């Protein structure tokens, strides 16, 4: 049976353990300042975790145990406490921050950052392979920055709109890179954000 050993003079809890005898009987030779108490724990009441919390209250008592009256009770009870409105609001906000919509937005943002870096690596690779001149590389990188920057926020549809408002390059190699970027954005939106099986 769960029990607590205390120092009576200071009301200090010295030990939490099972009662030191398999049969609950008085202990001979225990120092006068020490006392074993048997733990009596109240059932936890039901409560609304969204708006309330449960406080655990532990107390040394001089109340005899109902079955073993030579031992006093160490009482464990619970009280339901209403949370302050600020804490309720914070919990509600935290719940929203971890729901499916918030998780999706984090994914779109993470994927957007990766895509942005890959697009600029594609441009630099074309320069390294001699497919673009340094001036073409510079102009393309600068010209695409503003339309592509919302990828860092996970705003793929805004990037699609931005690209549709751009005048496609006339140079064949620049046009090929531009079209690859447009296709990459379109595919992400169609396959990840709005996959066909989600459309009713």
N, C-alpha and C. Protein backbone atom coordinates (compact mmCIF):
# COMPACT_ATOMS: atom_id res chain seq x y z
N UNK A 1 0.84 -1.19 0.00
CA UNK A 1 0.00 0.00 0.00
C UNK A 1 0.88 1.24 0.00
N UNK A 2 0.50 2.25 -0.80
CA UNK A 2 1.31 3.47 -0.88
C UNK A 2 1.32 4.18 0.47
N UNK A 3 2.51 4.67 0.83
CA UNK A 3 2.67 5.33 2.12
C UNK A 3 3.71 6.43 2.01
N UNK A 4 3.70 7.30 3.02
CA UNK A 4 4.64 8.42 3.09
C UNK A 4 5.27 8.40 4.47
N UNK A 5 6.59 8.55 4.51
CA UNK A 5 7.29 8.69 5.80
C UNK A 5 7.58 10.17 6.00
N UNK A 6 7.15 10.70 7.16
CA UNK A 6 7.38 12.12 7.43
C UNK A 6 8.16 12.31 8.73
N UNK A 7 8.78 13.51 8.84
CA UNK A 7 9.34 13.94 10.11
C UNK A 7 8.29 14.85 10.75
N UNK A 8 7.77 14.43 11.87
CA UNK A 8 6.64 15.13 12.48
C UNK A 8 6.99 16.57 12.88
N UNK A 9 8.20 16.77 13.37
CA UNK A 9 8.56 18.09 13.90
C UNK A 9 8.62 19.15 12.79
N UNK A 10 8.95 18.73 11.59
CA UNK A 10 9.09 19.70 10.48
C UNK A 10 8.03 19.51 9.39
N UNK A 11 7.25 18.46 9.53
CA UNK A 11 6.26 18.11 8.51
C UNK A 11 6.92 17.87 7.15
N UNK A 12 8.16 17.39 7.20
CA UNK A 12 8.91 17.13 5.97
C UNK A 12 8.65 15.71 5.49
N UNK A 13 8.39 15.57 4.20
CA UNK A 13 8.24 14.24 3.60
C UNK A 13 9.63 13.67 3.36
N UNK A 14 9.93 12.52 3.97
CA UNK A 14 11.25 11.91 3.85
C UNK A 14 11.28 10.82 2.78
N UNK A 15 10.16 10.15 2.62
CA UNK A 15 10.17 9.00 1.71
C UNK A 15 8.77 8.75 1.18
N UNK A 16 8.69 8.36 -0.08
CA UNK A 16 7.44 7.92 -0.70
C UNK A 16 7.68 6.49 -1.16
N UNK A 17 6.92 5.57 -0.60
CA UNK A 17 7.14 4.15 -0.92
C UNK A 17 5.91 3.36 -0.50
N UNK A 18 6.00 2.06 -0.66
CA UNK A 18 4.96 1.21 -0.09
C UNK A 18 5.21 1.09 1.41
N UNK A 19 4.13 0.84 2.16
CA UNK A 19 4.29 0.67 3.61
C UNK A 19 5.30 -0.45 3.84
N UNK A 20 6.24 -0.25 4.78
CA UNK A 20 7.38 -1.18 4.91
C UNK A 20 7.05 -2.58 5.42
N UNK A 21 5.81 -2.87 5.69
CA UNK A 21 5.43 -4.24 6.10
C UNK A 21 4.40 -4.76 5.12
N UNK A 22 4.53 -6.02 4.72
CA UNK A 22 3.56 -6.58 3.78
C UNK A 22 2.17 -6.63 4.41
N UNK A 23 2.11 -6.89 5.70
CA UNK A 23 0.85 -6.79 6.44
C UNK A 23 0.87 -5.42 7.14
N UNK A 24 -0.25 -4.69 7.02
CA UNK A 24 -0.28 -3.36 7.62
C UNK A 24 -0.42 -3.50 9.13
N UNK A 25 0.72 -3.35 9.80
CA UNK A 25 0.78 -3.46 11.26
C UNK A 25 1.66 -2.34 11.80
N UNK A 26 1.49 -2.01 13.11
CA UNK A 26 2.37 -0.98 13.68
C UNK A 26 3.83 -1.40 13.59
N UNK A 27 4.70 -0.38 13.42
CA UNK A 27 6.15 -0.65 13.33
C UNK A 27 6.78 -0.34 14.68
N UNK A 28 7.36 -1.36 15.29
CA UNK A 28 8.04 -1.17 16.58
C UNK A 28 9.41 -0.55 16.34
N UNK A 29 9.81 0.33 17.26
CA UNK A 29 11.15 0.91 17.19
C UNK A 29 11.29 2.10 16.26
N UNK A 30 10.18 2.61 15.70
CA UNK A 30 10.26 3.78 14.83
C UNK A 30 10.52 5.01 15.69
N UNK A 31 11.47 5.84 15.30
CA UNK A 31 11.82 7.03 16.08
C UNK A 31 10.58 7.88 16.34
N UNK A 32 10.54 8.52 17.50
CA UNK A 32 9.36 9.29 17.91
C UNK A 32 9.02 10.41 16.92
N UNK A 33 10.04 10.94 16.25
CA UNK A 33 9.79 12.07 15.35
C UNK A 33 9.39 11.63 13.94
N UNK A 34 9.35 10.31 13.72
CA UNK A 34 8.99 9.80 12.39
C UNK A 34 7.59 9.19 12.42
N UNK A 35 6.91 9.30 11.30
CA UNK A 35 5.56 8.73 11.22
C UNK A 35 5.27 8.28 9.80
N UNK A 36 4.70 7.09 9.70
CA UNK A 36 4.22 6.59 8.41
C UNK A 36 2.76 6.97 8.26
N UNK A 37 2.41 7.49 7.08
CA UNK A 37 1.02 7.81 6.75
C UNK A 37 0.63 6.98 5.53
N UNK A 38 -0.61 6.50 5.53
CA UNK A 38 -1.10 5.78 4.36
C UNK A 38 -1.74 6.76 3.37
N UNK A 39 -1.42 6.60 2.11
CA UNK A 39 -1.92 7.50 1.08
C UNK A 39 -3.38 7.15 0.75
N UNK A 40 -4.22 8.17 0.81
CA UNK A 40 -5.61 8.05 0.36
C UNK A 40 -5.79 9.09 -0.74
N UNK A 41 -6.00 8.58 -1.97
CA UNK A 41 -6.09 9.49 -3.12
C UNK A 41 -7.51 9.51 -3.67
N UNK A 42 -8.02 10.71 -3.82
CA UNK A 42 -9.35 10.91 -4.39
C UNK A 42 -9.32 10.59 -5.89
N UNK A 43 -10.41 10.08 -6.42
CA UNK A 43 -10.51 9.90 -7.86
C UNK A 43 -10.45 11.27 -8.55
N UNK A 44 -9.76 11.31 -9.68
CA UNK A 44 -9.66 12.59 -10.41
C UNK A 44 -11.03 12.94 -10.97
N UNK A 45 -11.50 14.14 -10.71
CA UNK A 45 -12.80 14.54 -11.27
C UNK A 45 -12.67 14.84 -12.76
N UNK A 46 -13.77 14.75 -13.48
CA UNK A 46 -13.75 15.12 -14.90
C UNK A 46 -13.72 16.64 -15.01
N UNK A 47 -13.09 17.11 -16.08
CA UNK A 47 -13.00 18.56 -16.29
C UNK A 47 -12.76 18.82 -17.77
N UNK A 48 -12.98 20.05 -18.17
CA UNK A 48 -12.79 20.45 -19.56
C UNK A 48 -11.37 21.02 -19.71
N UNK A 49 -10.49 20.27 -20.35
CA UNK A 49 -9.09 20.68 -20.45
C UNK A 49 -8.89 21.93 -21.30
N UNK A 50 -9.92 22.31 -22.08
CA UNK A 50 -9.83 23.52 -22.90
C UNK A 50 -9.95 24.78 -22.04
N UNK A 51 -10.73 24.68 -20.95
CA UNK A 51 -11.03 25.87 -20.16
C UNK A 51 -10.69 25.72 -18.68
N UNK A 52 -10.24 24.52 -18.28
CA UNK A 52 -9.96 24.27 -16.87
C UNK A 52 -8.67 23.48 -16.71
N UNK A 53 -8.16 23.46 -15.49
CA UNK A 53 -7.02 22.60 -15.19
C UNK A 53 -7.28 21.91 -13.86
N UNK A 54 -6.52 20.85 -13.62
CA UNK A 54 -6.68 20.07 -12.40
C UNK A 54 -5.49 20.34 -11.50
N UNK A 55 -5.76 20.83 -10.29
CA UNK A 55 -4.71 21.04 -9.31
C UNK A 55 -4.66 19.86 -8.34
N UNK A 56 -3.47 19.35 -8.13
CA UNK A 56 -3.28 18.25 -7.18
C UNK A 56 -2.92 18.84 -5.82
N UNK A 57 -3.64 18.42 -4.79
CA UNK A 57 -3.41 18.94 -3.44
C UNK A 57 -3.01 17.78 -2.53
N UNK A 58 -1.80 17.87 -1.99
CA UNK A 58 -1.31 16.82 -1.09
C UNK A 58 -1.23 17.41 0.31
N UNK A 59 -1.66 16.61 1.31
CA UNK A 59 -1.69 17.14 2.68
C UNK A 59 -1.41 16.05 3.71
N UNK A 60 -0.58 16.41 4.67
CA UNK A 60 -0.36 15.57 5.86
C UNK A 60 -1.53 15.85 6.79
N UNK A 61 -2.19 14.78 7.26
CA UNK A 61 -3.34 14.98 8.14
C UNK A 61 -3.17 14.22 9.44
N UNK A 62 -4.04 14.55 10.39
CA UNK A 62 -4.11 13.79 11.65
C UNK A 62 -5.37 12.93 11.65
N UNK A 63 -5.88 12.66 10.46
CA UNK A 63 -7.09 11.84 10.32
C UNK A 63 -6.72 10.37 10.28
N UNK A 64 -7.28 9.54 11.15
CA UNK A 64 -6.97 8.10 11.12
C UNK A 64 -7.46 7.47 9.81
N UNK A 65 -6.69 6.51 9.34
CA UNK A 65 -7.07 5.78 8.13
C UNK A 65 -8.32 4.95 8.43
N UNK A 66 -9.30 4.91 7.51
CA UNK A 66 -10.55 4.21 7.81
C UNK A 66 -10.39 2.71 8.09
N UNK A 67 -9.39 2.07 7.50
CA UNK A 67 -9.20 0.63 7.71
C UNK A 67 -8.09 0.32 8.71
N UNK A 68 -7.15 1.23 8.85
CA UNK A 68 -6.01 1.01 9.76
C UNK A 68 -5.89 2.24 10.64
N UNK A 69 -6.69 2.29 11.70
CA UNK A 69 -6.83 3.52 12.49
C UNK A 69 -5.61 3.87 13.34
N UNK A 70 -4.61 3.01 13.37
CA UNK A 70 -3.37 3.34 14.09
C UNK A 70 -2.43 4.15 13.20
N UNK A 71 -2.82 4.35 11.94
CA UNK A 71 -2.05 5.17 11.01
C UNK A 71 -2.92 6.33 10.52
N UNK A 72 -2.29 7.47 10.35
CA UNK A 72 -3.01 8.62 9.82
C UNK A 72 -2.94 8.63 8.28
N UNK A 73 -3.70 9.55 7.72
CA UNK A 73 -3.85 9.61 6.27
C UNK A 73 -2.97 10.71 5.67
N UNK A 74 -2.33 10.36 4.55
CA UNK A 74 -1.72 11.36 3.69
C UNK A 74 -2.69 11.55 2.54
N UNK A 75 -3.33 12.72 2.49
CA UNK A 75 -4.45 12.95 1.58
C UNK A 75 -3.98 13.54 0.26
N UNK A 76 -4.49 12.95 -0.83
CA UNK A 76 -4.27 13.53 -2.17
C UNK A 76 -5.64 13.78 -2.77
N UNK A 77 -5.93 15.05 -3.00
CA UNK A 77 -7.21 15.43 -3.61
C UNK A 77 -6.94 16.29 -4.83
N UNK A 78 -8.00 16.55 -5.56
CA UNK A 78 -7.88 17.34 -6.79
C UNK A 78 -8.97 18.41 -6.80
N UNK A 79 -8.62 19.55 -7.31
CA UNK A 79 -9.63 20.59 -7.50
C UNK A 79 -9.58 21.09 -8.93
N UNK A 80 -10.76 21.33 -9.48
CA UNK A 80 -10.87 21.85 -10.84
C UNK A 80 -10.84 23.38 -10.76
N UNK A 81 -9.93 23.97 -11.52
CA UNK A 81 -9.76 25.42 -11.51
C UNK A 81 -10.00 25.96 -12.91
N UNK A 82 -10.78 27.01 -13.00
CA UNK A 82 -11.01 27.66 -14.30
C UNK A 82 -9.75 28.40 -14.74
N UNK A 83 -9.39 28.23 -16.00
CA UNK A 83 -8.22 28.93 -16.53
C UNK A 83 -8.57 30.39 -16.79
N UNK A 84 -7.60 31.29 -16.62
CA UNK A 84 -7.84 32.69 -17.00
C UNK A 84 -8.06 32.79 -18.51
N UNK A 85 -8.80 33.80 -18.94
CA UNK A 85 -9.16 33.93 -20.34
C UNK A 85 -7.93 33.99 -21.25
N UNK A 86 -6.85 34.63 -20.78
CA UNK A 86 -5.64 34.73 -21.60
C UNK A 86 -5.08 33.34 -21.89
N UNK A 87 -5.11 32.45 -20.89
CA UNK A 87 -4.58 31.10 -21.07
C UNK A 87 -5.50 30.28 -21.99
N UNK A 88 -6.80 30.47 -21.86
CA UNK A 88 -7.75 29.78 -22.74
C UNK A 88 -7.49 30.21 -24.19
N UNK A 89 -7.31 31.52 -24.38
CA UNK A 89 -7.05 32.04 -25.74
C UNK A 89 -5.74 31.50 -26.29
N UNK A 90 -4.71 31.43 -25.42
CA UNK A 90 -3.40 30.93 -25.85
C UNK A 90 -3.49 29.46 -26.24
N UNK A 91 -4.24 28.67 -25.47
CA UNK A 91 -4.41 27.25 -25.80
C UNK A 91 -5.16 27.08 -27.11
N UNK A 92 -6.19 27.89 -27.32
CA UNK A 92 -6.95 27.82 -28.57
C UNK A 92 -6.07 28.19 -29.76
N UNK A 93 -5.23 29.21 -29.57
CA UNK A 93 -4.32 29.64 -30.64
C UNK A 93 -3.29 28.55 -30.94
N UNK A 94 -2.76 27.93 -29.89
CA UNK A 94 -1.77 26.85 -30.07
C UNK A 94 -2.39 25.67 -30.81
N UNK A 95 -3.65 25.39 -30.50
CA UNK A 95 -4.35 24.30 -31.17
C UNK A 95 -4.51 24.60 -32.66
N UNK A 96 -4.86 25.85 -32.99
CA UNK A 96 -4.98 26.24 -34.39
C UNK A 96 -3.63 26.17 -35.10
N UNK A 97 -2.56 26.55 -34.37
CA UNK A 97 -1.22 26.57 -34.96
C UNK A 97 -0.72 25.18 -35.31
N UNK A 98 -1.36 24.14 -34.76
CA UNK A 98 -0.91 22.78 -35.03
C UNK A 98 -1.96 21.95 -35.77
N UNK A 99 -3.01 22.61 -36.29
CA UNK A 99 -4.03 21.85 -37.00
C UNK A 99 -3.57 21.55 -38.43
N UNK A 100 -4.41 20.83 -39.17
CA UNK A 100 -4.04 20.38 -40.51
C UNK A 100 -3.75 21.55 -41.45
N UNK A 101 -4.52 22.61 -41.35
CA UNK A 101 -4.31 23.77 -42.22
C UNK A 101 -2.95 24.42 -41.97
N UNK A 102 -2.60 24.56 -40.69
CA UNK A 102 -1.30 25.15 -40.35
C UNK A 102 -0.16 24.25 -40.83
N UNK A 103 -0.35 22.93 -40.71
CA UNK A 103 0.67 21.98 -41.16
C UNK A 103 0.86 22.06 -42.68
N UNK A 104 -0.26 22.18 -43.40
CA UNK A 104 -0.17 22.31 -44.85
C UNK A 104 0.57 23.58 -45.26
N UNK A 105 0.27 24.68 -44.58
CA UNK A 105 0.94 25.94 -44.91
C UNK A 105 2.45 25.83 -44.67
N UNK A 106 2.85 25.15 -43.59
CA UNK A 106 4.28 24.95 -43.33
C UNK A 106 4.91 24.11 -44.44
N UNK A 107 4.17 23.12 -44.94
CA UNK A 107 4.68 22.29 -46.04
C UNK A 107 4.85 23.13 -47.30
N UNK A 108 3.82 23.92 -47.64
CA UNK A 108 3.90 24.75 -48.84
C UNK A 108 5.10 25.70 -48.76
N UNK A 109 5.30 26.25 -47.57
CA UNK A 109 6.41 27.19 -47.36
C UNK A 109 7.76 26.47 -47.49
N UNK A 110 7.89 25.31 -46.84
CA UNK A 110 9.13 24.55 -46.90
C UNK A 110 9.44 24.12 -48.33
N UNK A 111 8.41 23.60 -49.02
CA UNK A 111 8.60 23.19 -50.42
C UNK A 111 8.94 24.40 -51.30
N UNK A 112 8.36 25.56 -50.98
CA UNK A 112 8.62 26.77 -51.76
C UNK A 112 10.06 27.22 -51.63
N UNK A 113 10.60 27.13 -50.41
CA UNK A 113 12.01 27.51 -50.19
C UNK A 113 12.93 26.61 -51.00
N UNK A 114 12.64 25.31 -50.97
CA UNK A 114 13.45 24.35 -51.74
C UNK A 114 13.35 24.64 -53.23
N UNK A 115 12.12 24.89 -53.70
CA UNK A 115 11.91 25.16 -55.13
C UNK A 115 12.63 26.43 -55.58
N UNK A 116 12.57 27.47 -54.74
CA UNK A 116 13.24 28.74 -55.06
C UNK A 116 14.74 28.49 -55.27
N UNK A 117 15.35 27.77 -54.35
CA UNK A 117 16.79 27.49 -54.44
C UNK A 117 17.11 26.64 -55.68
N UNK A 118 16.24 25.67 -55.98
CA UNK A 118 16.48 24.82 -57.15
C UNK A 118 16.37 25.61 -58.45
N UNK A 119 15.44 26.55 -58.49
CA UNK A 119 15.27 27.38 -59.69
C UNK A 119 16.53 28.22 -59.93
N UNK A 120 17.06 28.80 -58.87
CA UNK A 120 18.27 29.61 -59.05
C UNK A 120 19.49 28.75 -59.35
N UNK A 121 19.51 27.53 -58.83
CA UNK A 121 20.59 26.60 -59.19
C UNK A 121 20.48 26.23 -60.67
N UNK A 122 19.26 26.09 -61.18
CA UNK A 122 19.04 25.80 -62.60
C UNK A 122 19.60 26.92 -63.47
N UNK A 123 19.36 28.16 -63.06
CA UNK A 123 19.87 29.31 -63.82
C UNK A 123 21.40 29.33 -63.81
N UNK A 124 21.98 29.12 -62.62
CA UNK A 124 23.45 29.12 -62.51
C UNK A 124 24.07 27.96 -63.28
N UNK A 125 23.37 26.82 -63.30
CA UNK A 125 23.87 25.65 -64.04
C UNK A 125 23.90 25.93 -65.54
N UNK A 126 22.86 26.64 -66.01
CA UNK A 126 22.82 26.99 -67.45
C UNK A 126 24.00 27.89 -67.81
N UNK A 127 24.35 28.79 -66.89
CA UNK A 127 25.53 29.65 -67.12
C UNK A 127 26.81 28.82 -67.11
N UNK A 128 26.92 27.92 -66.11
CA UNK A 128 28.13 27.09 -66.00
C UNK A 128 28.31 26.18 -67.22
N UNK A 129 27.19 25.76 -67.80
CA UNK A 129 27.25 24.89 -68.99
C UNK A 129 27.42 25.67 -70.29
N UNK A 130 27.51 26.99 -70.18
CA UNK A 130 27.70 27.82 -71.36
C UNK A 130 26.43 28.07 -72.15
N UNK A 131 25.28 27.75 -71.56
CA UNK A 131 24.01 27.94 -72.27
C UNK A 131 23.51 29.38 -72.14
N UNK A 132 23.96 30.09 -71.11
CA UNK A 132 23.61 31.49 -70.90
C UNK A 132 24.87 32.31 -70.74
N UNK A 133 24.84 33.53 -71.21
CA UNK A 133 25.96 34.45 -70.97
C UNK A 133 25.84 35.00 -69.55
N UNK A 134 26.93 35.56 -69.03
CA UNK A 134 26.84 36.17 -67.70
C UNK A 134 25.75 37.25 -67.63
N UNK A 135 25.60 38.05 -68.69
CA UNK A 135 24.59 39.10 -68.69
C UNK A 135 23.18 38.51 -68.69
N UNK A 136 22.97 37.47 -69.51
CA UNK A 136 21.65 36.81 -69.53
C UNK A 136 21.32 36.21 -68.15
N UNK A 137 22.32 35.59 -67.53
CA UNK A 137 22.13 34.99 -66.21
C UNK A 137 21.73 36.05 -65.20
N UNK A 138 22.46 37.15 -65.23
CA UNK A 138 22.18 38.25 -64.30
C UNK A 138 20.77 38.80 -64.51
N UNK A 139 20.43 39.07 -65.75
CA UNK A 139 19.11 39.66 -66.05
C UNK A 139 17.97 38.69 -65.69
N UNK A 140 18.16 37.40 -65.99
CA UNK A 140 17.12 36.41 -65.67
C UNK A 140 16.96 36.28 -64.16
N UNK A 141 18.07 36.20 -63.44
CA UNK A 141 18.02 36.06 -61.98
C UNK A 141 17.34 37.26 -61.34
N UNK A 142 17.69 38.46 -61.81
CA UNK A 142 17.09 39.68 -61.25
C UNK A 142 15.62 39.77 -61.66
N UNK A 143 15.33 39.47 -62.92
CA UNK A 143 13.97 39.60 -63.43
C UNK A 143 12.99 38.63 -62.78
N UNK A 144 13.45 37.44 -62.39
CA UNK A 144 12.56 36.43 -61.81
C UNK A 144 12.46 36.53 -60.28
N UNK A 145 13.33 37.33 -59.67
CA UNK A 145 13.32 37.36 -58.21
C UNK A 145 11.95 37.79 -57.66
N UNK A 146 11.45 38.92 -58.12
CA UNK A 146 10.17 39.42 -57.58
C UNK A 146 9.01 38.46 -57.81
N UNK A 147 8.85 37.89 -59.03
CA UNK A 147 7.75 36.95 -59.21
C UNK A 147 7.88 35.67 -58.36
N UNK A 148 9.13 35.25 -58.10
CA UNK A 148 9.34 33.98 -57.39
C UNK A 148 9.44 34.14 -55.86
N UNK A 149 9.68 35.34 -55.40
CA UNK A 149 9.92 35.56 -53.96
C UNK A 149 8.80 35.03 -53.06
N UNK A 150 7.51 35.08 -53.48
CA UNK A 150 6.45 34.53 -52.61
C UNK A 150 6.58 33.03 -52.33
N UNK A 151 7.43 32.32 -53.09
CA UNK A 151 7.67 30.91 -52.77
C UNK A 151 8.17 30.76 -51.34
N UNK A 152 8.94 31.74 -50.87
CA UNK A 152 9.47 31.70 -49.50
C UNK A 152 8.37 31.79 -48.46
N UNK A 153 7.19 32.22 -48.86
CA UNK A 153 6.04 32.28 -47.95
C UNK A 153 5.06 31.14 -48.21
N UNK A 154 5.39 30.29 -49.18
CA UNK A 154 4.48 29.18 -49.51
C UNK A 154 3.31 29.61 -50.38
N UNK A 155 3.41 30.77 -51.02
CA UNK A 155 2.30 31.32 -51.80
C UNK A 155 2.46 30.93 -53.28
N UNK A 156 2.29 29.66 -53.56
CA UNK A 156 2.51 29.14 -54.90
C UNK A 156 1.54 29.75 -55.92
N UNK A 157 0.30 29.95 -55.53
CA UNK A 157 -0.68 30.49 -56.48
C UNK A 157 -0.36 31.93 -56.86
N UNK A 158 0.20 32.68 -55.92
CA UNK A 158 0.63 34.05 -56.25
C UNK A 158 1.79 34.02 -57.24
N UNK A 159 2.70 33.06 -57.06
CA UNK A 159 3.81 32.91 -58.00
C UNK A 159 3.28 32.57 -59.40
N UNK A 160 2.29 31.68 -59.46
CA UNK A 160 1.68 31.33 -60.76
C UNK A 160 1.10 32.58 -61.43
N UNK A 161 0.40 33.39 -60.64
CA UNK A 161 -0.18 34.64 -61.16
C UNK A 161 0.93 35.59 -61.63
N UNK A 162 1.98 35.73 -60.81
CA UNK A 162 3.10 36.60 -61.17
C UNK A 162 3.73 36.18 -62.50
N UNK A 163 3.95 34.87 -62.64
CA UNK A 163 4.60 34.36 -63.86
C UNK A 163 3.71 34.56 -65.08
N UNK A 164 2.39 34.43 -64.88
CA UNK A 164 1.47 34.62 -66.02
C UNK A 164 1.45 36.08 -66.48
N UNK A 165 1.84 37.00 -65.58
CA UNK A 165 1.89 38.42 -65.92
C UNK A 165 3.23 38.84 -66.53
N UNK A 166 4.19 37.92 -66.51
CA UNK A 166 5.51 38.21 -67.09
C UNK A 166 5.47 38.02 -68.61
N UNK A 167 6.25 38.81 -69.31
CA UNK A 167 6.40 38.61 -70.76
C UNK A 167 7.46 37.53 -70.98
N UNK A 168 7.10 36.41 -71.60
CA UNK A 168 8.09 35.34 -71.79
C UNK A 168 9.27 35.83 -72.63
N UNK A 169 10.47 35.34 -72.34
CA UNK A 169 11.65 35.76 -73.12
C UNK A 169 11.54 35.31 -74.58
N UNK A 170 12.22 36.02 -75.45
CA UNK A 170 12.22 35.64 -76.88
C UNK A 170 13.39 34.72 -77.19
N UNK A 171 14.47 34.81 -76.39
CA UNK A 171 15.62 33.93 -76.59
C UNK A 171 15.20 32.49 -76.27
N UNK A 172 15.58 31.57 -77.15
CA UNK A 172 15.12 30.17 -77.02
C UNK A 172 15.55 29.54 -75.69
N UNK A 173 16.80 29.75 -75.30
CA UNK A 173 17.28 29.11 -74.07
C UNK A 173 16.62 29.74 -72.84
N UNK A 174 16.48 31.07 -72.84
CA UNK A 174 15.81 31.75 -71.73
C UNK A 174 14.34 31.31 -71.64
N UNK A 175 13.71 31.16 -72.81
CA UNK A 175 12.32 30.72 -72.85
C UNK A 175 12.18 29.30 -72.31
N UNK A 176 13.15 28.44 -72.63
CA UNK A 176 13.12 27.05 -72.14
C UNK A 176 13.18 27.03 -70.61
N UNK A 177 14.08 27.85 -70.04
CA UNK A 177 14.20 27.91 -68.57
C UNK A 177 12.93 28.49 -67.96
N UNK A 178 12.43 29.55 -68.56
CA UNK A 178 11.20 30.18 -68.08
C UNK A 178 10.05 29.17 -68.07
N UNK A 179 9.90 28.43 -69.16
CA UNK A 179 8.81 27.44 -69.25
C UNK A 179 8.97 26.31 -68.24
N UNK A 180 10.22 25.91 -67.98
CA UNK A 180 10.46 24.87 -66.96
C UNK A 180 9.96 25.35 -65.60
N UNK A 181 10.23 26.62 -65.29
CA UNK A 181 9.80 27.19 -64.01
C UNK A 181 8.28 27.24 -63.92
N UNK A 182 7.65 27.71 -65.00
CA UNK A 182 6.19 27.79 -65.04
C UNK A 182 5.59 26.40 -64.85
N UNK A 183 6.15 25.41 -65.53
CA UNK A 183 5.65 24.03 -65.44
C UNK A 183 5.82 23.48 -64.02
N UNK A 184 6.96 23.79 -63.42
CA UNK A 184 7.23 23.31 -62.05
C UNK A 184 6.18 23.87 -61.08
N UNK A 185 5.89 25.16 -61.21
CA UNK A 185 4.90 25.80 -60.32
C UNK A 185 3.51 25.23 -60.59
N UNK A 186 3.15 25.10 -61.87
CA UNK A 186 1.82 24.56 -62.23
C UNK A 186 1.65 23.14 -61.71
N UNK A 187 2.69 22.32 -61.88
CA UNK A 187 2.60 20.92 -61.42
C UNK A 187 2.44 20.83 -59.91
N UNK A 188 3.16 21.68 -59.20
CA UNK A 188 3.04 21.65 -57.74
C UNK A 188 1.61 21.99 -57.31
N UNK A 189 1.07 23.04 -57.90
CA UNK A 189 -0.29 23.46 -57.55
C UNK A 189 -1.29 22.36 -57.89
N UNK A 190 -1.16 21.77 -59.09
CA UNK A 190 -2.12 20.77 -59.55
C UNK A 190 -1.98 19.42 -58.84
N UNK A 191 -0.75 19.05 -58.47
CA UNK A 191 -0.53 17.72 -57.92
C UNK A 191 -0.43 17.68 -56.40
N UNK A 192 0.06 18.77 -55.80
CA UNK A 192 0.26 18.78 -54.35
C UNK A 192 -0.83 19.57 -53.64
N UNK A 193 -1.06 20.79 -54.10
CA UNK A 193 -2.04 21.63 -53.42
C UNK A 193 -3.49 21.22 -53.74
N UNK A 194 -3.73 20.89 -55.00
CA UNK A 194 -5.08 20.51 -55.43
C UNK A 194 -5.03 19.23 -56.25
N UNK A 195 -4.66 18.11 -55.63
CA UNK A 195 -4.58 16.87 -56.40
C UNK A 195 -5.95 16.51 -56.98
N UNK A 196 -5.97 15.85 -58.14
CA UNK A 196 -7.23 15.55 -58.84
C UNK A 196 -8.26 14.82 -57.96
N UNK A 197 -7.80 13.91 -57.08
CA UNK A 197 -8.77 13.15 -56.26
C UNK A 197 -9.41 14.01 -55.17
N UNK A 198 -8.90 15.25 -54.96
CA UNK A 198 -9.52 16.16 -53.99
C UNK A 198 -10.60 17.02 -54.62
N UNK A 199 -10.65 17.02 -55.95
CA UNK A 199 -11.62 17.89 -56.63
C UNK A 199 -12.95 17.16 -56.74
N UNK A 200 -14.00 17.80 -56.29
CA UNK A 200 -15.35 17.19 -56.33
C UNK A 200 -16.08 17.71 -57.56
